[in-house]
Amino acid sequence: MENEKSLCRRRERRFKTRAGHILHCETLVKGDKMHHGTVIDISPSGLRLLCEGKFAIGETFVVELKTERSHGSYEGIVRRVEPWVAGQSVIGCQLTQKIPDEILETLARENVVDRRRDGRVPWTQPAHMSWELQAGEVDVTVCDCSPGGLKIISKTPIPDATRLRIRMTPDGGDELVINAKSVWQTEDADTYVVGVEFTKKDLPEVIARVLEENDPDRVPTARTVTVHRWIRRSVLVAASVTILAFGLSQTNAWTAIQQLDYDELLTRMQILTKAFTRD
């Protein structure tokens, strides 16, 4: 249980690098040559790199981040190694020297990383997962969510590229069933960390709400914009009614209303409403 908690404890969001905007890295392990690679994703205290050369868990290193110019050098420790093709490896790194926020902001402004869309948000929920040929459901823990998927902790290995059915009751509310597919998996002692992606384009409403509440920089969803517009217009219509009533009260209100027929009163209301609710 403690191991699962430590795996779920990441408080910092990771941001993926954008396709077509490569963030290069040059990684130097003590006593070895410089290895070239690219950054897959980045957070203030961690990196995931696709890098040439051989690395061992626990090794210390220095990595320099580059686009057309340098974005600083940072010391760190290798925490995870996944063999890749052509002599490359995917390296999970913990930085002992944090990347300043202004560097991340610069990379975002230069369109190298997407801080708005790809960030993960911590979201711990117990869940049950099943897949074809699996007898019954497996108890798992959802650790975080993003617009594209979930990170899950499991005591049972999950088959690669498998369609999954994830069932949960977020925060004790209504049952939520999510269809997803496993896309990556790593093993940590007797625990498996699994990345899954949603197979439907429509983001579950409860997850959309979690992302929006935890990320003030996100672009509001269409549903949020509609709700906000409805609230704004309701308030402005109420204000227009108040203004009209106040104007009538400055003369003899009852006499003024008697002098206006219904159609004329409605016309004045529509003019005021349009004036206050125009986009």
C-alpha atoms as a PDB file:
ATOM      1  CA  MET A   1       0.000   0.000   0.000  1.00  0.00           C
ATOM      2  CA  GLU A   2       2.793   2.419   0.863  1.00  0.00           C
ATOM      3  CA  ASN A   3       4.454   1.698  -2.473  1.00  0.00           C
ATOM      4  CA  GLU A   4       1.201   2.493  -4.293  1.00  0.00           C
ATOM      5  CA  LYS A   5       0.868   5.757  -2.364  1.00  0.00           C
ATOM      6  CA  SER A   6       4.394   6.805  -3.323  1.00  0.00           C
ATOM      7  CA  LEU A   7       3.679   6.056  -6.978  1.00  0.00           C
ATOM      8  CA  CYS A   8       0.482   8.126  -6.813  1.00  0.00           C
ATOM      9  CA  ARG A   9       2.032  10.986  -4.887  1.00  0.00           C
ATOM     10  CA  ARG A  10       3.290  13.040  -7.837  1.00  0.00           C
ATOM     11  CA  ARG A  11       2.025  16.580  -7.268  1.00  0.00           C
ATOM     12  CA  GLU A  12       3.602  18.133 -10.340  1.00  0.00           C
ATOM     13  CA  ARG A  13       2.051  17.935 -13.755  1.00  0.00           C
ATOM     14  CA  ARG A  14       3.968  16.574 -16.710  1.00  0.00           C
ATOM     15  CA  PHE A  15       3.791  18.257 -20.077  1.00  0.00           C
ATOM     16  CA  LYS A  16       4.375  16.527 -23.390  1.00  0.00           C
ATOM     17  CA  THR A  17       6.537  18.032 -26.070  1.00  0.00           C
ATOM     18  CA  ARG A  18       4.650  19.010 -29.219  1.00  0.00           C
ATOM     19  CA  ALA A  19       5.019  17.071 -32.439  1.00  0.00           C
ATOM     20  CA  GLY A  20       7.261  18.938 -34.854  1.00  0.00           C
ATOM     21  CA  HIS A  21       8.893  21.011 -32.098  1.00  0.00           C
ATOM     22  CA  ILE A  22      11.788  18.900 -30.832  1.00  0.00           C
ATOM     23  CA  LEU A  23      13.314  19.553 -27.426  1.00  0.00           C
ATOM     24  CA  HIS A  24      16.790  18.039 -27.669  1.00  0.00           C
ATOM     25  CA  CYS A  25      18.803  16.759 -24.733  1.00  0.00           C
ATOM     26  CA  GLU A  26      22.468  15.961 -24.258  1.00  0.00           C
ATOM     27  CA  THR A  27      22.970  13.634 -21.316  1.00  0.00           C
ATOM     28  CA  LEU A  28      26.288  13.005 -19.617  1.00  0.00           C
ATOM     29  CA  VAL A  29      26.717  10.171 -17.125  1.00  0.00           C
ATOM     30  CA  LYS A  30      29.851  10.395 -14.994  1.00  0.00           C
ATOM     31  CA  GLY A  31      32.703   8.468 -16.618  1.00  0.00           C
ATOM     32  CA  ASP A  32      30.830   8.035 -19.904  1.00  0.00           C
ATOM     33  CA  LYS A  33      30.485   9.951 -23.171  1.00  0.00           C
ATOM     34  CA  MET A  34      27.753  12.426 -24.053  1.00  0.00           C
ATOM     35  CA  HIS A  35      24.502  10.818 -25.250  1.00  0.00           C
ATOM     36  CA  HIS A  36      22.082  12.600 -27.562  1.00  0.00           C
ATOM     37  CA  GLY A  37      18.305  12.295 -27.439  1.00  0.00           C
ATOM     38  CA  THR A  38      14.960  14.069 -27.222  1.00  0.00           C
ATOM     39  CA  VAL A  39      12.579  14.942 -24.402  1.00  0.00           C
ATOM     40  CA  ILE A  40       9.238  13.071 -24.388  1.00  0.00           C
ATOM     41  CA  ASP A  41       7.710  14.927 -21.460  1.00  0.00           C
ATOM     42  CA  ILE A  42       8.830  17.330 -18.784  1.00  0.00           C
ATOM     43  CA  SER A  43       7.931  18.574 -15.298  1.00  0.00           C
ATOM     44  CA  PRO A  44       9.774  20.884 -12.889  1.00  0.00           C
ATOM     45  CA  SER A  45      11.456  17.913 -11.182  1.00  0.00           C
ATOM     46  CA  GLY A  46      11.433  15.177 -13.800  1.00  0.00           C
ATOM     47  CA  LEU A  47      12.026  14.232 -17.420  1.00  0.00           C
ATOM     48  CA  ARG A  48      11.237  11.341 -19.708  1.00  0.00           C
ATOM     49  CA  LEU A  49      13.856  11.032 -22.424  1.00  0.00           C
ATOM     50  CA  LEU A  50      14.327   8.965 -25.561  1.00  0.00           C
ATOM     51  CA  CYS A  51      18.081   8.646 -25.573  1.00  0.00           C
ATOM     52  CA  GLU A  52      20.880   6.656 -27.154  1.00  0.00           C
ATOM     53  CA  GLY A  53      23.340   4.736 -24.976  1.00  0.00           C
ATOM     54  CA  LYS A  54      23.025   2.476 -21.952  1.00  0.00           C
ATOM     55  CA  PHE A  55      21.771   3.675 -18.585  1.00  0.00           C
ATOM     56  CA  ALA A  56      21.400   1.996 -15.205  1.00  0.00           C
ATOM     57  CA  ILE A  57      18.847   2.780 -12.516  1.00  0.00           C
ATOM     58  CA  GLY A  58      20.430   4.904  -9.793  1.00  0.00           C
ATOM     59  CA  GLU A  59      23.063   6.534 -12.019  1.00  0.00           C
ATOM     60  CA  THR A  60      23.568  10.263 -11.667  1.00  0.00           C
ATOM     61  CA  PHE A  61      23.765  12.449 -14.751  1.00  0.00           C
ATOM     62  CA  VAL A  62      23.724  15.982 -16.104  1.00  0.00           C
ATOM     63  CA  VAL A  63      21.330  16.831 -18.944  1.00  0.00           C
ATOM     64  CA  GLU A  64      21.262  19.962 -21.091  1.00  0.00           C
ATOM     65  CA  LEU A  65      17.977  20.959 -22.744  1.00  0.00           C
ATOM     66  CA  LYS A  66      18.187  22.560 -26.183  1.00  0.00           C
ATOM     67  CA  THR A  67      16.040  23.941 -28.965  1.00  0.00           C
ATOM     68  CA  GLU A  68      17.896  26.438 -31.136  1.00  0.00           C
ATOM     69  CA  ARG A  69      19.519  27.564 -27.910  1.00  0.00           C
ATOM     70  CA  SER A  70      20.260  26.125 -24.494  1.00  0.00           C
ATOM     71  CA  HIS A  71      17.610  26.077 -21.784  1.00  0.00           C
ATOM     72  CA  GLY A  72      19.999  25.107 -19.000  1.00  0.00           C
ATOM     73  CA  SER A  73      21.717  22.034 -17.588  1.00  0.00           C
ATOM     74  CA  TYR A  74      20.228  19.993 -14.742  1.00  0.00           C
ATOM     75  CA  GLU A  75      21.476  17.228 -12.486  1.00  0.00           C
ATOM     76  CA  GLY A  76      19.394  14.138 -11.864  1.00  0.00           C
ATOM     77  CA  ILE A  77      19.108  10.430 -11.115  1.00  0.00           C
ATOM     78  CA  VAL A  78      17.957   7.656 -13.450  1.00  0.00           C
ATOM     79  CA  ARG A  79      14.814   6.097 -11.950  1.00  0.00           C
ATOM     80  CA  ARG A  80      13.489   3.962 -14.810  1.00  0.00           C
ATOM     81  CA  VAL A  81      14.932   2.440 -17.988  1.00  0.00           C
ATOM     82  CA  GLU A  82      12.842   0.936 -20.798  1.00  0.00           C
ATOM     83  CA  PRO A  83      14.734  -0.515 -23.788  1.00  0.00           C
ATOM     84  CA  TRP A  84      13.634   0.929 -27.134  1.00  0.00           C
ATOM     85  CA  VAL A  85      14.677   0.332 -30.733  1.00  0.00           C
ATOM     86  CA  ALA A  86      17.932   1.169 -32.542  1.00  0.00           C
ATOM     87  CA  GLY A  87      19.983   1.123 -29.351  1.00  0.00           C
ATOM     88  CA  GLN A  88      17.840   3.762 -27.666  1.00  0.00           C
ATOM     89  CA  SER A  89      16.100   3.679 -24.292  1.00  0.00           C
ATOM     90  CA  VAL A  90      13.241   5.558 -22.664  1.00  0.00           C
ATOM     91  CA  ILE A  91      14.689   7.036 -19.477  1.00  0.00           C
ATOM     92  CA  GLY A  92      12.616   8.189 -16.529  1.00  0.00           C
ATOM     93  CA  CYS A  93      14.604  10.787 -14.584  1.00  0.00           C
ATOM     94  CA  GLN A  94      14.235  12.520 -11.253  1.00  0.00           C
ATOM     95  CA  LEU A  95      15.936  15.898 -11.188  1.00  0.00           C
ATOM     96  CA  THR A  96      17.804  16.958  -8.082  1.00  0.00           C
ATOM     97  CA  GLN A  97      17.860  20.498  -9.478  1.00  0.00           C
ATOM     98  CA  LYS A  98      14.413  21.754 -10.481  1.00  0.00           C
ATOM     99  CA  ILE A  99      13.689  23.337 -13.845  1.00  0.00           C
ATOM    100  CA  PRO A 100      12.660  26.960 -13.179  1.00  0.00           C
ATOM    101  CA  ASP A 101       9.079  27.823 -14.026  1.00  0.00           C
ATOM    102  CA  GLU A 102      10.240  30.601 -16.326  1.00  0.00           C
ATOM    103  CA  ILE A 103      12.031  27.994 -18.460  1.00  0.00           C
ATOM    104  CA  LEU A 104       8.811  25.977 -18.762  1.00  0.00           C
ATOM    105  CA  GLU A 105       6.916  29.156 -19.639  1.00  0.00           C
ATOM    106  CA  THR A 106       9.488  29.973 -22.329  1.00  0.00           C
ATOM    107  CA  LEU A 107       9.165  26.474 -23.820  1.00  0.00           C
ATOM    108  CA  ALA A 108       5.388  26.843 -23.788  1.00  0.00           C
ATOM    109  CA  ARG A 109       5.542  30.254 -25.508  1.00  0.00           C
ATOM    110  CA  GLU A 110       7.841  28.782 -28.158  1.00  0.00           C
ATOM    111  CA  ASN A 111       5.283  26.004 -28.712  1.00  0.00           C
ATOM    112  CA  VAL A 112       7.768  23.312 -27.659  1.00  0.00           C
ATOM    113  CA  VAL A 113       5.656  21.954 -24.801  1.00  0.00           C
ATOM    114  CA  ASP A 114       1.904  22.070 -24.350  1.00  0.00           C
ATOM    115  CA  ARG A 115       1.243  23.176 -20.781  1.00  0.00           C
ATOM    116  CA  ARG A 116      -2.461  23.657 -21.384  1.00  0.00           C
ATOM    117  CA  ARG A 117      -3.653  20.497 -23.069  1.00  0.00           C
ATOM    118  CA  ASP A 118      -1.412  17.624 -22.019  1.00  0.00           C
ATOM    119  CA  GLY A 119      -0.989  18.185 -18.294  1.00  0.00           C
ATOM    120  CA  ARG A 120      -1.823  15.401 -15.871  1.00  0.00           C
ATOM    121  CA  VAL A 121      -3.837  16.143 -12.761  1.00  0.00           C
ATOM    122  CA  PRO A 122      -3.514  14.039  -9.571  1.00  0.00           C
ATOM    123  CA  TRP A 123      -6.798  12.171  -9.055  1.00  0.00           C
ATOM    124  CA  THR A 124      -6.794   9.131  -6.769  1.00  0.00           C
ATOM    125  CA  GLN A 125      -9.792   6.814  -7.102  1.00  0.00           C
ATOM    126  CA  PRO A 126     -10.293   3.077  -6.403  1.00  0.00           C
ATOM    127  CA  ALA A 127     -11.558   1.247  -9.478  1.00  0.00           C
ATOM    128  CA  HIS A 128     -12.209  -2.169 -10.990  1.00  0.00           C
ATOM    129  CA  MET A 129     -10.821  -3.176 -14.368  1.00  0.00           C
ATOM    130  CA  SER A 130     -11.571  -6.042 -16.722  1.00  0.00           C
ATOM    131  CA  TRP A 131     -10.621  -7.126 -20.220  1.00  0.00           C
ATOM    132  CA  GLU A 132     -11.251  -9.967 -22.624  1.00  0.00           C
ATOM    133  CA  LEU A 133     -10.130 -13.403 -21.341  1.00  0.00           C
ATOM    134  CA  GLN A 134      -9.730 -11.999 -17.830  1.00  0.00           C
ATOM    135  CA  ALA A 135     -11.735 -13.933 -15.245  1.00  0.00           C
ATOM    136  CA  GLY A 136     -13.579 -11.292 -13.228  1.00  0.00           C
ATOM    137  CA  GLU A 137     -12.441  -7.781 -12.358  1.00  0.00           C
ATOM    138  CA  VAL A 138      -9.070  -6.635 -11.053  1.00  0.00           C
ATOM    139  CA  ASP A 139      -8.896  -4.055  -8.258  1.00  0.00           C
ATOM    140  CA  VAL A 140      -6.783  -1.073  -9.313  1.00  0.00           C
ATOM    141  CA  THR A 141      -6.100   2.515  -8.237  1.00  0.00           C
ATOM    142  CA  VAL A 142      -6.415   5.475 -10.595  1.00  0.00           C
ATOM    143  CA  CYS A 143      -3.574   7.912  -9.816  1.00  0.00           C
ATOM    144  CA  ASP A 144      -4.032  10.755 -12.236  1.00  0.00           C
ATOM    145  CA  CYS A 145      -5.993  11.822 -15.285  1.00  0.00           C
ATOM    146  CA  SER A 146      -5.414  13.854 -18.411  1.00  0.00           C
ATOM    147  CA  PRO A 147      -7.543  14.770 -21.426  1.00  0.00           C
ATOM    148  CA  GLY A 148      -6.228  11.650 -23.148  1.00  0.00           C
ATOM    149  CA  GLY A 149      -6.268   8.981 -20.466  1.00  0.00           C
ATOM    150  CA  LEU A 150      -5.455   7.730 -16.969  1.00  0.00           C
ATOM    151  CA  LYS A 151      -2.505   6.399 -15.029  1.00  0.00           C
ATOM    152  CA  ILE A 152      -3.369   3.270 -13.062  1.00  0.00           C
ATOM    153  CA  ILE A 153      -1.638   1.215 -10.362  1.00  0.00           C
ATOM    154  CA  SER A 154      -2.295  -2.534 -10.438  1.00  0.00           C
ATOM    155  CA  LYS A 155      -1.044  -5.637  -8.658  1.00  0.00           C
ATOM    156  CA  THR A 156      -1.826  -7.610 -11.812  1.00  0.00           C
ATOM    157  CA  PRO A 157       0.067  -7.153 -15.109  1.00  0.00           C
ATOM    158  CA  ILE A 158      -2.110  -5.799 -17.925  1.00  0.00           C
ATOM    159  CA  PRO A 159      -1.723  -7.185 -21.481  1.00  0.00           C
ATOM    160  CA  ASP A 160      -0.257  -4.690 -23.975  1.00  0.00           C
ATOM    161  CA  ALA A 161      -2.560  -2.815 -26.367  1.00  0.00           C
ATOM    162  CA  THR A 162      -5.640  -4.371 -24.781  1.00  0.00           C
ATOM    163  CA  ARG A 163      -9.127  -2.880 -24.653  1.00  0.00           C
ATOM    164  CA  LEU A 164     -10.115  -2.312 -21.035  1.00  0.00           C
ATOM    165  CA  ARG A 165     -13.315  -1.649 -19.124  1.00  0.00           C
ATOM    166  CA  ILE A 166     -12.731   0.513 -16.043  1.00  0.00           C
ATOM    167  CA  ARG A 167     -15.536   0.811 -13.507  1.00  0.00           C
ATOM    168  CA  MET A 168     -15.537   3.254 -10.583  1.00  0.00           C
ATOM    169  CA  THR A 169     -17.750   5.473  -8.429  1.00  0.00           C
ATOM    170  CA  PRO A 170     -15.795   8.762  -8.253  1.00  0.00           C
ATOM    171  CA  ASP A 171     -16.012  10.351  -4.796  1.00  0.00           C
ATOM    172  CA  GLY A 172     -18.931   8.080  -3.898  1.00  0.00           C
ATOM    173  CA  GLY A 173     -21.142   9.442  -6.667  1.00  0.00           C
ATOM    174  CA  ASP A 174     -22.721   7.738  -9.668  1.00  0.00           C
ATOM    175  CA  GLU A 175     -21.015   4.734 -11.220  1.00  0.00           C
ATOM    176  CA  LEU A 176     -18.737   5.610 -14.123  1.00  0.00           C
ATOM    177  CA  VAL A 177     -17.676   3.105 -16.783  1.00  0.00           C
ATOM    178  CA  ILE A 178     -14.770   4.052 -19.043  1.00  0.00           C
ATOM    179  CA  ASN A 179     -13.619   2.245 -22.162  1.00  0.00           C
ATOM    180  CA  ALA A 180      -9.868   2.525 -22.644  1.00  0.00           C
ATOM    181  CA  LYS A 181      -6.807   0.819 -24.085  1.00  0.00           C
ATOM    182  CA  SER A 182      -3.482   0.045 -22.418  1.00  0.00           C
ATOM    183  CA  VAL A 183      -0.605   1.876 -24.114  1.00  0.00           C
ATOM    184  CA  TRP A 184       2.368   1.430 -21.781  1.00  0.00           C
ATOM    185  CA  GLN A 185       3.306  -0.408 -18.602  1.00  0.00           C
ATOM    186  CA  THR A 186       6.237  -0.485 -16.196  1.00  0.00           C
ATOM    187  CA  GLU A 187       6.923  -2.707 -13.215  1.00  0.00           C
ATOM    188  CA  ASP A 188       8.024  -1.430  -9.832  1.00  0.00           C
ATOM    189  CA  ALA A 189       8.693  -4.322  -7.406  1.00  0.00           C
ATOM    190  CA  ASP A 190       5.390  -6.245  -7.360  1.00  0.00           C
ATOM    191  CA  THR A 191       3.340  -3.280  -8.621  1.00  0.00           C
ATOM    192  CA  TYR A 192       2.523  -2.327 -12.214  1.00  0.00           C
ATOM    193  CA  VAL A 193       2.132   1.253 -13.399  1.00  0.00           C
ATOM    194  CA  VAL A 194      -0.131   1.336 -16.447  1.00  0.00           C
ATOM    195  CA  GLY A 195      -0.920   4.154 -18.855  1.00  0.00           C
ATOM    196  CA  VAL A 196      -4.284   3.879 -20.592  1.00  0.00           C
ATOM    197  CA  GLU A 197      -5.889   6.095 -23.232  1.00  0.00           C
ATOM    198  CA  PHE A 198      -9.577   6.748 -23.736  1.00  0.00           C
ATOM    199  CA  THR A 199     -11.070   5.039 -26.793  1.00  0.00           C
ATOM    200  CA  LYS A 200     -13.898   7.555 -27.130  1.00  0.00           C
ATOM    201  CA  LYS A 201     -13.398  11.191 -28.082  1.00  0.00           C
ATOM    202  CA  ASP A 202     -15.975  12.482 -25.599  1.00  0.00           C
ATOM    203  CA  LEU A 203     -14.260  13.076 -22.269  1.00  0.00           C
ATOM    204  CA  PRO A 204     -16.251  11.724 -19.273  1.00  0.00           C
ATOM    205  CA  GLU A 205     -17.907  14.709 -17.604  1.00  0.00           C
ATOM    206  CA  VAL A 206     -16.502  13.963 -14.143  1.00  0.00           C
ATOM    207  CA  ILE A 207     -12.938  13.875 -15.532  1.00  0.00           C
ATOM    208  CA  ALA A 208     -13.487  17.056 -17.555  1.00  0.00           C
ATOM    209  CA  ARG A 209     -14.623  18.739 -14.342  1.00  0.00           C
ATOM    210  CA  VAL A 210     -11.541  17.525 -12.413  1.00  0.00           C
ATOM    211  CA  LEU A 211      -9.217  18.813 -15.137  1.00  0.00           C
ATOM    212  CA  GLU A 212     -10.920  22.191 -15.278  1.00  0.00           C
ATOM    213  CA  GLU A 213     -10.990  22.647 -11.495  1.00  0.00           C
ATOM    214  CA  ASN A 214      -7.287  21.812 -11.201  1.00  0.00           C
ATOM    215  CA  ASP A 215      -6.023  23.695 -14.232  1.00  0.00           C
ATOM    216  CA  PRO A 216      -6.961  27.377 -14.403  1.00  0.00           C
ATOM    217  CA  ASP A 217      -5.013  27.770 -17.671  1.00  0.00           C
ATOM    218  CA  ARG A 218      -7.158  25.293 -19.576  1.00  0.00           C
ATOM    219  CA  VAL A 219      -9.373  26.566 -22.357  1.00  0.00           C
ATOM    220  CA  PRO A 220     -12.970  26.307 -21.082  1.00  0.00           C
ATOM    221  CA  THR A 221     -15.034  23.497 -22.556  1.00  0.00           C
ATOM    222  CA  ALA A 222     -17.977  24.276 -24.827  1.00  0.00           C
ATOM    223  CA  ARG A 223     -20.325  23.247 -22.020  1.00  0.00           C
ATOM    224  CA  THR A 224     -18.642  25.642 -19.582  1.00  0.00           C
ATOM    225  CA  VAL A 225     -18.806  28.525 -22.046  1.00  0.00           C
ATOM    226  CA  THR A 226     -22.520  27.849 -22.618  1.00  0.00           C
ATOM    227  CA  VAL A 227     -23.259  27.784 -18.888  1.00  0.00           C
ATOM    228  CA  HIS A 228     -21.274  30.948 -18.246  1.00  0.00           C
ATOM    229  CA  ARG A 229     -23.027  32.734 -21.117  1.00  0.00           C
ATOM    230  CA  TRP A 230     -26.443  31.628 -19.840  1.00  0.00           C
ATOM    231  CA  ILE A 231     -25.630  32.906 -16.332  1.00  0.00           C
ATOM    232  CA  ARG A 232     -24.336  36.212 -17.706  1.00  0.00           C
ATOM    233  CA  ARG A 233     -27.389  36.768 -19.851  1.00  0.00           C
ATOM    234  CA  SER A 234     -29.742  35.852 -17.011  1.00  0.00           C
ATOM    235  CA  VAL A 235     -28.077  38.411 -14.757  1.00  0.00           C
ATOM    236  CA  LEU A 236     -28.162  41.080 -17.460  1.00  0.00           C
ATOM    237  CA  VAL A 237     -31.817  40.440 -18.292  1.00  0.00           C
ATOM    238  CA  ALA A 238     -32.642  40.788 -14.598  1.00  0.00           C
ATOM    239  CA  ALA A 239     -30.652  44.031 -14.547  1.00  0.00           C
ATOM    240  CA  SER A 240     -32.537  45.361 -17.562  1.00  0.00           C
ATOM    241  CA  VAL A 241     -35.853  44.621 -15.857  1.00  0.00           C
ATOM    242  CA  THR A 242     -34.645  46.482 -12.761  1.00  0.00           C
ATOM    243  CA  ILE A 243     -33.544  49.466 -14.850  1.00  0.00           C
ATOM    244  CA  LEU A 244     -36.890  49.591 -16.642  1.00  0.00           C
ATOM    245  CA  ALA A 245     -38.794  49.361 -13.367  1.00  0.00           C
ATOM    246  CA  PHE A 246     -36.618  52.083 -11.844  1.00  0.00           C
ATOM    247  CA  GLY A 247     -37.226  54.341 -14.843  1.00  0.00           C
ATOM    248  CA  LEU A 248     -40.951  53.861 -14.560  1.00  0.00           C
ATOM    249  CA  SER A 249     -40.859  54.577 -10.841  1.00  0.00           C
ATOM    250  CA  GLN A 250     -39.365  58.033 -11.455  1.00  0.00           C
ATOM    251  CA  THR A 251     -42.738  59.086 -12.837  1.00  0.00           C
ATOM    252  CA  ASN A 252     -45.991  57.738 -11.670  1.00  0.00           C
ATOM    253  CA  ALA A 253     -45.200  54.059 -12.312  1.00  0.00           C
ATOM    254  CA  TRP A 254     -48.787  52.873 -12.345  1.00  0.00           C
ATOM    255  CA  THR A 255     -49.843  55.664 -14.684  1.00  0.00           C
ATOM    256  CA  ALA A 256     -46.892  54.979 -17.012  1.00  0.00           C
ATOM    257  CA  ILE A 257     -47.724  51.274 -17.208  1.00  0.00           C
ATOM    258  CA  GLN A 258     -51.359  52.085 -17.917  1.00  0.00           C
ATOM    259  CA  GLN A 259     -50.287  54.370 -20.753  1.00  0.00           C
ATOM    260  CA  LEU A 260     -48.167  51.664 -22.401  1.00  0.00           C
ATOM    261  CA  ASP A 261     -49.905  48.883 -24.220  1.00  0.00           C
ATOM    262  CA  TYR A 262     -48.503  45.362 -23.920  1.00  0.00           C
ATOM    263  CA  ASP A 263     -46.737  45.346 -27.300  1.00  0.00           C
ATOM    264  CA  GLU A 264     -44.908  48.597 -26.592  1.00  0.00           C
ATOM    265  CA  LEU A 265     -43.781  47.352 -23.168  1.00  0.00           C
ATOM    266  CA  LEU A 266     -42.517  44.118 -24.718  1.00  0.00           C
ATOM    267  CA  THR A 267     -40.635  46.073 -27.401  1.00  0.00           C
ATOM    268  CA  ARG A 268     -38.851  48.180 -24.770  1.00  0.00           C
ATOM    269  CA  MET A 269     -37.887  45.044 -22.849  1.00  0.00           C
ATOM    270  CA  GLN A 270     -36.449  43.414 -25.975  1.00  0.00           C
ATOM    271  CA  ILE A 271     -34.402  46.537 -26.815  1.00  0.00           C
ATOM    272  CA  LEU A 272     -32.926  46.632 -23.297  1.00  0.00           C
ATOM    273  CA  THR A 273     -32.235  42.892 -23.279  1.00  0.00           C
ATOM    274  CA  LYS A 274     -30.405  43.010 -26.636  1.00  0.00           C
ATOM    275  CA  ALA A 275     -28.360  45.978 -25.514  1.00  0.00           C
ATOM    276  CA  PHE A 276     -27.128  44.198 -22.397  1.00  0.00           C
ATOM    277  CA  THR A 277     -26.632  40.685 -23.820  1.00  0.00           C
ATOM    278  CA  ARG A 278     -24.886  41.518 -27.096  1.00  0.00           C
ATOM    279  CA  ASP A 279     -21.667  39.410 -27.468  1.00  0.00           C
END
